[in-house]
mmCIF file of all heavy atoms, coordinates in Angstrom:
data_MODEL
# 
_entry.id   MODEL 
# 
loop_
_atom_site.group_PDB 
_atom_site.id 
_atom_site.type_symbol 
_atom_site.label_atom_id 
_atom_site.label_alt_id 
_atom_site.label_comp_id 
_atom_site.label_asym_id 
_atom_site.label_entity_id 
_atom_site.label_seq_id 
_atom_site.pdbx_PDB_ins_code 
_atom_site.Cartn_x 
_atom_site.Cartn_y 
_atom_site.Cartn_z 
_atom_site.occupancy 
_atom_site.B_iso_or_equiv 
_atom_site.pdbx_formal_charge 
_atom_site.auth_seq_id 
_atom_site.auth_comp_id 
_atom_site.auth_asym_id 
_atom_site.auth_atom_id 
_atom_site.pdbx_PDB_model_num 
ATOM 1   N N   . ARG A 1 1  ? 0.847  -1.188 0.000  1.00 0.00 ? 1  ARG A N   1 
ATOM 2   C CA  . ARG A 1 1  ? 0.000  0.000  0.000  1.00 0.00 ? 1  ARG A CA  1 
ATOM 3   C C   . ARG A 1 1  ? 0.880  1.237  -0.001 1.00 0.00 ? 1  ARG A C   1 
ATOM 4   O O   . ARG A 1 1  ? 1.927  1.263  0.643  1.00 0.00 ? 1  ARG A O   1 
ATOM 5   C CB  . ARG A 1 1  ? -0.892 0.046  1.243  1.00 0.00 ? 1  ARG A CB  1 
ATOM 6   C CG  . ARG A 1 1  ? -2.200 -0.695 1.121  1.00 0.00 ? 1  ARG A CG  1 
ATOM 7   C CD  . ARG A 1 1  ? -3.074 -0.390 2.312  1.00 0.00 ? 1  ARG A CD  1 
ATOM 8   N NE  . ARG A 1 1  ? -4.399 -0.977 2.216  1.00 0.00 ? 1  ARG A NE  1 
ATOM 9   C CZ  . ARG A 1 1  ? -5.364 -0.772 3.092  1.00 0.00 ? 1  ARG A CZ  1 
ATOM 10  N NH1 . ARG A 1 1  ? -5.153 0.016  4.118  1.00 0.00 ? 1  ARG A NH1 1 
ATOM 11  N NH2 . ARG A 1 1  ? -6.541 -1.346 2.939  1.00 0.00 ? 1  ARG A NH2 1 
ATOM 12  N N   . LEU A 1 2  ? 0.460  2.256  -0.722 1.00 0.00 ? 2  LEU A N   1 
ATOM 13  C CA  . LEU A 1 2  ? 1.143  3.538  -0.654 1.00 0.00 ? 2  LEU A CA  1 
ATOM 14  C C   . LEU A 1 2  ? 0.581  4.318  0.528  1.00 0.00 ? 2  LEU A C   1 
ATOM 15  O O   . LEU A 1 2  ? -0.635 4.381  0.713  1.00 0.00 ? 2  LEU A O   1 
ATOM 16  C CB  . LEU A 1 2  ? 0.926  4.336  -1.942 1.00 0.00 ? 2  LEU A CB  1 
ATOM 17  C CG  . LEU A 1 2  ? 1.509  3.734  -3.225 1.00 0.00 ? 2  LEU A CG  1 
ATOM 18  C CD1 . LEU A 1 2  ? 1.162  4.627  -4.404 1.00 0.00 ? 2  LEU A CD1 1 
ATOM 19  C CD2 . LEU A 1 2  ? 3.006  3.565  -3.113 1.00 0.00 ? 2  LEU A CD2 1 
ATOM 20  N N   . PHE A 1 3  ? 1.458  4.895  1.317  1.00 0.00 ? 3  PHE A N   1 
ATOM 21  C CA  . PHE A 1 3  ? 1.005  5.732  2.415  1.00 0.00 ? 3  PHE A CA  1 
ATOM 22  C C   . PHE A 1 3  ? 2.010  6.856  2.624  1.00 0.00 ? 3  PHE A C   1 
ATOM 23  O O   . PHE A 1 3  ? 3.105  6.856  2.048  1.00 0.00 ? 3  PHE A O   1 
ATOM 24  C CB  . PHE A 1 3  ? 0.815  4.911  3.698  1.00 0.00 ? 3  PHE A CB  1 
ATOM 25  C CG  . PHE A 1 3  ? 2.055  4.222  4.173  1.00 0.00 ? 3  PHE A CG  1 
ATOM 26  C CD1 . PHE A 1 3  ? 2.870  4.800  5.128  1.00 0.00 ? 3  PHE A CD1 1 
ATOM 27  C CD2 . PHE A 1 3  ? 2.408  2.985  3.668  1.00 0.00 ? 3  PHE A CD2 1 
ATOM 28  C CE1 . PHE A 1 3  ? 4.008  4.169  5.561  1.00 0.00 ? 3  PHE A CE1 1 
ATOM 29  C CE2 . PHE A 1 3  ? 3.542  2.335  4.102  1.00 0.00 ? 3  PHE A CE2 1 
ATOM 30  C CZ  . PHE A 1 3  ? 4.352  2.927  5.045  1.00 0.00 ? 3  PHE A CZ  1 
ATOM 31  N N   . THR A 1 4  ? 1.612  7.810  3.417  1.00 0.00 ? 4  THR A N   1 
ATOM 32  C CA  . THR A 1 4  ? 2.416  9.020  3.595  1.00 0.00 ? 4  THR A CA  1 
ATOM 33  C C   . THR A 1 4  ? 3.078  9.023  4.965  1.00 0.00 ? 4  THR A C   1 
ATOM 34  O O   . THR A 1 4  ? 2.422  8.781  5.986  1.00 0.00 ? 4  THR A O   1 
ATOM 35  C CB  . THR A 1 4  ? 1.540  10.277 3.448  1.00 0.00 ? 4  THR A CB  1 
ATOM 36  O OG1 . THR A 1 4  ? 0.937  10.268 2.158  1.00 0.00 ? 4  THR A OG1 1 
ATOM 37  C CG2 . THR A 1 4  ? 2.375  11.536 3.602  1.00 0.00 ? 4  THR A CG2 1 
ATOM 38  N N   . GLY A 1 5  ? 4.363  9.272  4.966  1.00 0.00 ? 5  GLY A N   1 
ATOM 39  C CA  . GLY A 1 5  ? 5.114  9.460  6.196  1.00 0.00 ? 5  GLY A CA  1 
ATOM 40  C C   . GLY A 1 5  ? 5.769  10.831 6.183  1.00 0.00 ? 5  GLY A C   1 
ATOM 41  O O   . GLY A 1 5  ? 5.513  11.655 5.295  1.00 0.00 ? 5  GLY A O   1 
ATOM 42  N N   . ARG A 1 6  ? 6.612  11.072 7.156  1.00 0.00 ? 6  ARG A N   1 
ATOM 43  C CA  . ARG A 1 6  ? 7.295  12.365 7.239  1.00 0.00 ? 6  ARG A CA  1 
ATOM 44  C C   . ARG A 1 6  ? 8.763  12.150 7.566  1.00 0.00 ? 6  ARG A C   1 
ATOM 45  O O   . ARG A 1 6  ? 9.101  11.320 8.408  1.00 0.00 ? 6  ARG A O   1 
ATOM 46  C CB  . ARG A 1 6  ? 6.644  13.254 8.299  1.00 0.00 ? 6  ARG A CB  1 
ATOM 47  C CG  . ARG A 1 6  ? 5.318  13.820 7.870  1.00 0.00 ? 6  ARG A CG  1 
ATOM 48  C CD  . ARG A 1 6  ? 4.533  14.446 9.003  1.00 0.00 ? 6  ARG A CD  1 
ATOM 49  N NE  . ARG A 1 6  ? 5.342  15.170 9.938  1.00 0.00 ? 6  ARG A NE  1 
ATOM 50  C CZ  . ARG A 1 6  ? 5.227  15.043 11.260 1.00 0.00 ? 6  ARG A CZ  1 
ATOM 51  N NH1 . ARG A 1 6  ? 4.381  14.175 11.766 1.00 0.00 ? 6  ARG A NH1 1 
ATOM 52  N NH2 . ARG A 1 6  ? 5.973  15.766 12.067 1.00 0.00 ? 6  ARG A NH2 1 
ATOM 53  N N   . LEU A 1 7  ? 9.597  12.906 6.873  1.00 0.00 ? 7  LEU A N   1 
ATOM 54  C CA  . LEU A 1 7  ? 11.029 12.907 7.140  1.00 0.00 ? 7  LEU A CA  1 
ATOM 55  C C   . LEU A 1 7  ? 11.420 14.272 7.704  1.00 0.00 ? 7  LEU A C   1 
ATOM 56  O O   . LEU A 1 7  ? 11.133 15.303 7.095  1.00 0.00 ? 7  LEU A O   1 
ATOM 57  C CB  . LEU A 1 7  ? 11.814 12.634 5.860  1.00 0.00 ? 7  LEU A CB  1 
ATOM 58  C CG  . LEU A 1 7  ? 12.057 11.168 5.489  1.00 0.00 ? 7  LEU A CG  1 
ATOM 59  C CD1 . LEU A 1 7  ? 12.738 11.076 4.140  1.00 0.00 ? 7  LEU A CD1 1 
ATOM 60  C CD2 . LEU A 1 7  ? 12.890 10.458 6.545  1.00 0.00 ? 7  LEU A CD2 1 
ATOM 61  N N   . VAL A 1 8  ? 12.033 14.250 8.852  1.00 0.00 ? 8  VAL A N   1 
ATOM 62  C CA  . VAL A 1 8  ? 12.516 15.484 9.477  1.00 0.00 ? 8  VAL A CA  1 
ATOM 63  C C   . VAL A 1 8  ? 14.038 15.484 9.362  1.00 0.00 ? 8  VAL A C   1 
ATOM 64  O O   . VAL A 1 8  ? 14.709 14.616 9.926  1.00 0.00 ? 8  VAL A O   1 
ATOM 65  C CB  . VAL A 1 8  ? 12.082 15.577 10.951 1.00 0.00 ? 8  VAL A CB  1 
ATOM 66  C CG1 . VAL A 1 8  ? 12.604 16.871 11.566 1.00 0.00 ? 8  VAL A CG1 1 
ATOM 67  C CG2 . VAL A 1 8  ? 10.563 15.511 11.060 1.00 0.00 ? 8  VAL A CG2 1 
ATOM 68  N N   . VAL A 1 9  ? 14.579 16.438 8.613  1.00 0.00 ? 9  VAL A N   1 
ATOM 69  C CA  . VAL A 1 9  ? 16.029 16.568 8.437  1.00 0.00 ? 9  VAL A CA  1 
ATOM 70  C C   . VAL A 1 9  ? 16.466 17.817 9.194  1.00 0.00 ? 9  VAL A C   1 
ATOM 71  O O   . VAL A 1 9  ? 15.973 18.923 8.929  1.00 0.00 ? 9  VAL A O   1 
ATOM 72  C CB  . VAL A 1 9  ? 16.410 16.663 6.946  1.00 0.00 ? 9  VAL A CB  1 
ATOM 73  C CG1 . VAL A 1 9  ? 17.921 16.756 6.813  1.00 0.00 ? 9  VAL A CG1 1 
ATOM 74  C CG2 . VAL A 1 9  ? 15.880 15.461 6.186  1.00 0.00 ? 9  VAL A CG2 1 
ATOM 75  N N   . ARG A 1 10 ? 17.398 17.629 10.101 1.00 0.00 ? 10 ARG A N   1 
ATOM 76  C CA  . ARG A 1 10 ? 17.834 18.719 10.984 1.00 0.00 ? 10 ARG A CA  1 
ATOM 77  C C   . ARG A 1 10 ? 19.306 19.023 10.735 1.00 0.00 ? 10 ARG A C   1 
ATOM 78  O O   . ARG A 1 10 ? 20.141 18.109 10.652 1.00 0.00 ? 10 ARG A O   1 
ATOM 79  C CB  . ARG A 1 10 ? 17.598 18.320 12.437 1.00 0.00 ? 10 ARG A CB  1 
ATOM 80  C CG  . ARG A 1 10 ? 17.876 19.420 13.453 1.00 0.00 ? 10 ARG A CG  1 
ATOM 81  C CD  . ARG A 1 10 ? 17.504 18.953 14.857 1.00 0.00 ? 10 ARG A CD  1 
ATOM 82  N NE  . ARG A 1 10 ? 16.038 18.819 14.984 1.00 0.00 ? 10 ARG A NE  1 
ATOM 83  C CZ  . ARG A 1 10 ? 15.400 17.655 14.986 1.00 0.00 ? 10 ARG A CZ  1 
ATOM 84  N NH1 . ARG A 1 10 ? 16.078 16.521 14.846 1.00 0.00 ? 10 ARG A NH1 1 
ATOM 85  N NH2 . ARG A 1 10 ? 14.092 17.613 15.116 1.00 0.00 ? 10 ARG A NH2 1 
ATOM 86  N N   . ASN A 1 11 ? 19.625 20.314 10.637 1.00 0.00 ? 11 ASN A N   1 
ATOM 87  C CA  . ASN A 1 11 ? 21.008 20.765 10.473 1.00 0.00 ? 11 ASN A CA  1 
ATOM 88  C C   . ASN A 1 11 ? 21.482 21.285 11.821 1.00 0.00 ? 11 ASN A C   1 
ATOM 89  O O   . ASN A 1 11 ? 21.056 22.346 12.283 1.00 0.00 ? 11 ASN A O   1 
ATOM 90  C CB  . ASN A 1 11 ? 21.078 21.868 9.414  1.00 0.00 ? 11 ASN A CB  1 
ATOM 91  C CG  . ASN A 1 11 ? 22.508 22.308 9.132  1.00 0.00 ? 11 ASN A CG  1 
ATOM 92  O OD1 . ASN A 1 11 ? 23.467 21.741 9.660  1.00 0.00 ? 11 ASN A OD1 1 
ATOM 93  N ND2 . ASN A 1 11 ? 22.670 23.341 8.312  1.00 0.00 ? 11 ASN A ND2 1 
ATOM 94  N N   . THR A 1 12 ? 22.370 20.523 12.470 1.00 0.00 ? 12 THR A N   1 
ATOM 95  C CA  . THR A 1 12 ? 22.846 20.913 13.802 1.00 0.00 ? 12 THR A CA  1 
ATOM 96  C C   . THR A 1 12 ? 23.963 21.949 13.748 1.00 0.00 ? 12 THR A C   1 
ATOM 97  O O   . THR A 1 12 ? 24.371 22.454 14.801 1.00 0.00 ? 12 THR A O   1 
ATOM 98  C CB  . THR A 1 12 ? 23.349 19.669 14.562 1.00 0.00 ? 12 THR A CB  1 
ATOM 99  O OG1 . THR A 1 12 ? 24.435 19.074 13.842 1.00 0.00 ? 12 THR A OG1 1 
ATOM 100 C CG2 . THR A 1 12 ? 22.219 18.647 14.717 1.00 0.00 ? 12 THR A CG2 1 
ATOM 101 N N   . LYS A 1 13 ? 24.436 22.305 12.553 1.00 0.00 ? 13 LYS A N   1 
ATOM 102 C CA  . LYS A 1 13 ? 25.459 23.361 12.424 1.00 0.00 ? 13 LYS A CA  1 
ATOM 103 C C   . LYS A 1 13 ? 24.758 24.714 12.547 1.00 0.00 ? 13 LYS A C   1 
ATOM 104 O O   . LYS A 1 13 ? 23.900 25.062 11.730 1.00 0.00 ? 13 LYS A O   1 
ATOM 105 C CB  . LYS A 1 13 ? 26.179 23.264 11.076 1.00 0.00 ? 13 LYS A CB  1 
ATOM 106 C CG  . LYS A 1 13 ? 26.856 21.938 10.816 1.00 0.00 ? 13 LYS A CG  1 
ATOM 107 C CD  . LYS A 1 13 ? 27.662 21.970 9.533  1.00 0.00 ? 13 LYS A CD  1 
ATOM 108 C CE  . LYS A 1 13 ? 26.816 22.272 8.309  1.00 0.00 ? 13 LYS A CE  1 
ATOM 109 N NZ  . LYS A 1 13 ? 25.878 21.183 7.994  1.00 0.00 ? 13 LYS A NZ  1 
ATOM 110 N N   . VAL A 1 14 ? 25.094 25.463 13.530 1.00 0.00 ? 14 VAL A N   1 
ATOM 111 C CA  . VAL A 1 14 ? 24.443 26.762 13.725 1.00 0.00 ? 14 VAL A CA  1 
ATOM 112 C C   . VAL A 1 14 ? 24.994 27.806 12.768 1.00 0.00 ? 14 VAL A C   1 
ATOM 113 O O   . VAL A 1 14 ? 24.275 28.722 12.335 1.00 0.00 ? 14 VAL A O   1 
ATOM 114 C CB  . VAL A 1 14 ? 24.622 27.218 15.192 1.00 0.00 ? 14 VAL A CB  1 
ATOM 115 C CG1 . VAL A 1 14 ? 23.981 28.580 15.431 1.00 0.00 ? 14 VAL A CG1 1 
ATOM 116 C CG2 . VAL A 1 14 ? 24.050 26.178 16.142 1.00 0.00 ? 14 VAL A CG2 1 
ATOM 117 N N   . TRP A 1 15 ? 26.225 27.668 12.362 1.00 0.00 ? 15 TRP A N   1 
ATOM 118 C CA  . TRP A 1 15 ? 26.908 28.730 11.630 1.00 0.00 ? 15 TRP A CA  1 
ATOM 119 C C   . TRP A 1 15 ? 26.923 28.524 10.115 1.00 0.00 ? 15 TRP A C   1 
ATOM 120 O O   . TRP A 1 15 ? 27.391 29.395 9.389  1.00 0.00 ? 15 TRP A O   1 
ATOM 121 C CB  . TRP A 1 15 ? 28.358 28.832 12.112 1.00 0.00 ? 15 TRP A CB  1 
ATOM 122 C CG  . TRP A 1 15 ? 29.078 27.513 12.064 1.00 0.00 ? 15 TRP A CG  1 
ATOM 123 C CD1 . TRP A 1 15 ? 29.054 26.541 13.009 1.00 0.00 ? 15 TRP A CD1 1 
ATOM 124 C CD2 . TRP A 1 15 ? 29.886 27.013 11.005 1.00 0.00 ? 15 TRP A CD2 1 
ATOM 125 N NE1 . TRP A 1 15 ? 29.802 25.456 12.619 1.00 0.00 ? 15 TRP A NE1 1 
ATOM 126 C CE2 . TRP A 1 15 ? 30.328 25.721 11.388 1.00 0.00 ? 15 TRP A CE2 1 
ATOM 127 C CE3 . TRP A 1 15 ? 30.294 27.519 9.763  1.00 0.00 ? 15 TRP A CE3 1 
ATOM 128 C CZ2 . TRP A 1 15 ? 31.143 24.940 10.589 1.00 0.00 ? 15 TRP A CZ2 1 
ATOM 129 C CZ3 . TRP A 1 15 ? 31.102 26.752 8.961  1.00 0.00 ? 15 TRP A CZ3 1 
ATOM 130 C CH2 . TRP A 1 15 ? 31.523 25.478 9.372  1.00 0.00 ? 15 TRP A CH2 1 
ATOM 131 N N   . MET A 1 16 ? 26.430 27.406 9.611  1.00 0.00 ? 16 MET A N   1 
ATOM 132 C CA  . MET A 1 16 ? 26.534 27.168 8.172  1.00 0.00 ? 16 MET A CA  1 
ATOM 133 C C   . MET A 1 16 ? 25.290 26.467 7.642  1.00 0.00 ? 16 MET A C   1 
ATOM 134 O O   . MET A 1 16 ? 24.763 25.544 8.257  1.00 0.00 ? 16 MET A O   1 
ATOM 135 C CB  . MET A 1 16 ? 27.769 26.309 7.865  1.00 0.00 ? 16 MET A CB  1 
ATOM 136 C CG  . MET A 1 16 ? 27.946 26.016 6.387  1.00 0.00 ? 16 MET A CG  1 
ATOM 137 S SD  . MET A 1 16 ? 29.421 25.050 6.037  1.00 0.00 ? 16 MET A SD  1 
ATOM 138 C CE  . MET A 1 16 ? 29.249 24.824 4.262  1.00 0.00 ? 16 MET A CE  1 
ATOM 139 N N   . THR A 1 17 ? 24.829 26.917 6.493  1.00 0.00 ? 17 THR A N   1 
ATOM 140 C CA  . THR A 1 17 ? 23.706 26.291 5.794  1.00 0.00 ? 17 THR A CA  1 
ATOM 141 C C   . THR A 1 17 ? 24.210 25.128 4.946  1.00 0.00 ? 17 THR A C   1 
ATOM 142 O O   . THR A 1 17 ? 25.280 25.213 4.339  1.00 0.00 ? 17 THR A O   1 
ATOM 143 C CB  . THR A 1 17 ? 22.998 27.316 4.893  1.00 0.00 ? 17 THR A CB  1 
ATOM 144 O OG1 . THR A 1 17 ? 22.504 28.385 5.696  1.00 0.00 ? 17 THR A OG1 1 
ATOM 145 C CG2 . THR A 1 17 ? 21.837 26.677 4.141  1.00 0.00 ? 17 THR A CG2 1 
ATOM 146 N N   . SER A 1 18 ? 23.445 24.055 4.928  1.00 0.00 ? 18 SER A N   1 
ATOM 147 C CA  . SER A 1 18 ? 23.750 22.922 4.044  1.00 0.00 ? 18 SER A CA  1 
ATOM 148 C C   . SER A 1 18 ? 22.960 23.096 2.749  1.00 0.00 ? 18 SER A C   1 
ATOM 149 O O   . SER A 1 18 ? 21.727 23.244 2.776  1.00 0.00 ? 18 SER A O   1 
ATOM 150 C CB  . SER A 1 18 ? 23.366 21.603 4.718  1.00 0.00 ? 18 SER A CB  1 
ATOM 151 O OG  . SER A 1 18 ? 24.200 21.347 5.828  1.00 0.00 ? 18 SER A OG  1 
ATOM 152 N N   . PHE A 1 19 ? 23.666 23.064 1.622  1.00 0.00 ? 19 PHE A N   1 
ATOM 153 C CA  . PHE A 1 19 ? 23.041 23.333 0.330  1.00 0.00 ? 19 PHE A CA  1 
ATOM 154 C C   . PHE A 1 19 ? 22.959 22.054 -0.514 1.00 0.00 ? 19 PHE A C   1 
ATOM 155 O O   . PHE A 1 19 ? 23.808 21.176 -0.424 1.00 0.00 ? 19 PHE A O   1 
ATOM 156 C CB  . PHE A 1 19 ? 23.846 24.389 -0.441 1.00 0.00 ? 19 PHE A CB  1 
ATOM 157 C CG  . PHE A 1 19 ? 23.800 25.760 0.167  1.00 0.00 ? 19 PHE A CG  1 
ATOM 158 C CD1 . PHE A 1 19 ? 24.833 26.199 0.977  1.00 0.00 ? 19 PHE A CD1 1 
ATOM 159 C CD2 . PHE A 1 19 ? 22.722 26.609 -0.065 1.00 0.00 ? 19 PHE A CD2 1 
ATOM 160 C CE1 . PHE A 1 19 ? 24.812 27.464 1.540  1.00 0.00 ? 19 PHE A CE1 1 
ATOM 161 C CE2 . PHE A 1 19 ? 22.691 27.876 0.494  1.00 0.00 ? 19 PHE A CE2 1 
ATOM 162 C CZ  . PHE A 1 19 ? 23.724 28.305 1.302  1.00 0.00 ? 19 PHE A CZ  1 
ATOM 163 N N   . SER A 1 20 ? 21.913 22.004 -1.333 1.00 0.00 ? 20 SER A N   1 
ATOM 164 C CA  . SER A 1 20 ? 21.754 20.990 -2.380 1.00 0.00 ? 20 SER A CA  1 
ATOM 165 C C   . SER A 1 20 ? 21.934 19.572 -1.830 1.00 0.00 ? 20 SER A C   1 
ATOM 166 O O   . SER A 1 20 ? 22.798 18.827 -2.278 1.00 0.00 ? 20 SER A O   1 
ATOM 167 C CB  . SER A 1 20 ? 22.762 21.256 -3.514 1.00 0.00 ? 20 SER A CB  1 
ATOM 168 O OG  . SER A 1 20 ? 22.490 20.416 -4.613 1.00 0.00 ? 20 SER A OG  1 
ATOM 169 N N   . ILE A 1 21 ? 21.085 19.212 -0.883 1.00 0.00 ? 21 ILE A N   1 
ATOM 170 C CA  . ILE A 1 21 ? 21.163 17.903 -0.233 1.00 0.00 ? 21 ILE A CA  1 
ATOM 171 C C   . ILE A 1 21 ? 20.157 16.953 -0.894 1.00 0.00 ? 21 ILE A C   1 
ATOM 172 O O   . ILE A 1 21 ? 18.981 17.276 -1.044 1.00 0.00 ? 21 ILE A O   1 
ATOM 173 C CB  . ILE A 1 21 ? 20.881 18.005 1.272  1.00 0.00 ? 21 ILE A CB  1 
ATOM 174 C CG1 . ILE A 1 21 ? 21.881 18.965 1.927  1.00 0.00 ? 21 ILE A CG1 1 
ATOM 175 C CG2 . ILE A 1 21 ? 20.934 16.630 1.917  1.00 0.00 ? 21 ILE A CG2 1 
ATOM 176 C CD1 . ILE A 1 21 ? 23.320 18.534 1.812  1.00 0.00 ? 21 ILE A CD1 1 
ATOM 177 N N   . ARG A 1 22 ? 20.615 15.783 -1.252 1.00 0.00 ? 22 ARG A N   1 
ATOM 178 C CA  . ARG A 1 22 ? 19.765 14.732 -1.817 1.00 0.00 ? 22 ARG A CA  1 
ATOM 179 C C   . ARG A 1 22 ? 19.720 13.564 -0.821 1.00 0.00 ? 22 ARG A C   1 
ATOM 180 O O   . ARG A 1 22 ? 20.768 13.093 -0.368 1.00 0.00 ? 22 ARG A O   1 
ATOM 181 C CB  . ARG A 1 22 ? 20.329 14.262 -3.162 1.00 0.00 ? 22 ARG A CB  1 
ATOM 182 C CG  . ARG A 1 22 ? 19.524 13.157 -3.851 1.00 0.00 ? 22 ARG A CG  1 
ATOM 183 C CD  . ARG A 1 22 ? 20.243 12.755 -5.127 1.00 0.00 ? 22 ARG A CD  1 
ATOM 184 N NE  . ARG A 1 22 ? 19.627 11.612 -5.773 1.00 0.00 ? 22 ARG A NE  1 
ATOM 185 C CZ  . ARG A 1 22 ? 18.671 11.685 -6.687 1.00 0.00 ? 22 ARG A CZ  1 
ATOM 186 N NH1 . ARG A 1 22 ? 18.200 12.859 -7.047 1.00 0.00 ? 22 ARG A NH1 1 
ATOM 187 N NH2 . ARG A 1 22 ? 18.178 10.591 -7.233 1.00 0.00 ? 22 ARG A NH2 1 
ATOM 188 N N   . LEU A 1 23 ? 18.516 13.115 -0.500 1.00 0.00 ? 23 LEU A N   1 
ATOM 189 C CA  . LEU A 1 23 ? 18.331 12.045 0.480  1.00 0.00 ? 23 LEU A CA  1 
ATOM 190 C C   . LEU A 1 23 ? 17.672 10.851 -0.194 1.00 0.00 ? 23 LEU A C   1 
ATOM 191 O O   . LEU A 1 23 ? 16.592 10.965 -0.778 1.00 0.00 ? 23 LEU A O   1 
ATOM 192 C CB  . LEU A 1 23 ? 17.463 12.535 1.645  1.00 0.00 ? 23 LEU A CB  1 
ATOM 193 C CG  . LEU A 1 23 ? 17.170 11.522 2.752  1.00 0.00 ? 23 LEU A CG  1 
ATOM 194 C CD1 . LEU A 1 23 ? 18.459 11.067 3.418  1.00 0.00 ? 23 LEU A CD1 1 
ATOM 195 C CD2 . LEU A 1 23 ? 16.223 12.122 3.784  1.00 0.00 ? 23 LEU A CD2 1 
ATOM 196 N N   . GLU A 1 24 ? 18.335 9.689  -0.106 1.00 0.00 ? 24 GLU A N   1 
ATOM 197 C CA  . GLU A 1 24 ? 17.811 8.456  -0.684 1.00 0.00 ? 24 GLU A CA  1 
ATOM 198 C C   . GLU A 1 24 ? 17.716 7.382  0.393  1.00 0.00 ? 24 GLU A C   1 
ATOM 199 O O   . GLU A 1 24 ? 18.516 7.352  1.323  1.00 0.00 ? 24 GLU A O   1 
ATOM 200 C CB  . GLU A 1 24 ? 18.712 7.956  -1.819 1.00 0.00 ? 24 GLU A CB  1 
ATOM 201 C CG  . GLU A 1 24 ? 18.839 8.917  -2.990 1.00 0.00 ? 24 GLU A CG  1 
ATOM 202 C CD  . GLU A 1 24 ? 19.811 8.402  -4.032 1.00 0.00 ? 24 GLU A CD  1 
ATOM 203 O OE1 . GLU A 1 24 ? 19.377 7.632  -4.916 1.00 0.00 ? 24 GLU A OE1 1 
ATOM 204 O OE2 . GLU A 1 24 ? 21.001 8.764  -3.950 1.00 0.00 ? 24 GLU A OE2 1 
ATOM 205 N N   . GLY A 1 25 ? 16.734 6.490  0.235  1.00 0.00 ? 25 GLY A N   1 
ATOM 206 C CA  . GLY A 1 25 ? 16.561 5.399  1.181  1.00 0.00 ? 25 GLY A CA  1 
ATOM 207 C C   . GLY A 1 25 ? 16.955 4.073  0.573  1.00 0.00 ? 25 GLY A C   1 
ATOM 208 O O   . GLY A 1 25 ? 16.902 3.879  -0.643 1.00 0.00 ? 25 GLY A O   1 
ATOM 209 N N   . SER A 1 26 ? 17.346 3.125  1.426  1.00 0.00 ? 26 SER A N   1 
ATOM 210 C CA  . SER A 1 26 ? 17.647 1.773  0.961  1.00 0.00 ? 26 SER A CA  1 
ATOM 211 C C   . SER A 1 26 ? 16.353 1.086  0.543  1.00 0.00 ? 26 SER A C   1 
ATOM 212 O O   . SER A 1 26 ? 15.255 1.538  0.879  1.00 0.00 ? 26 SER A O   1 
ATOM 213 C CB  . SER A 1 26 ? 18.329 0.993  2.084  1.00 0.00 ? 26 SER A CB  1 
ATOM 214 O OG  . SER A 1 26 ? 17.451 0.876  3.193  1.00 0.00 ? 26 SER A OG  1 
# 
């Protein structure tokens, strides 16, 4: 069945932005 979940991605670096991030699952 297709269903909807949520992914929370957190950047713990206070001083720098993370750019152009691609996230893939196994």
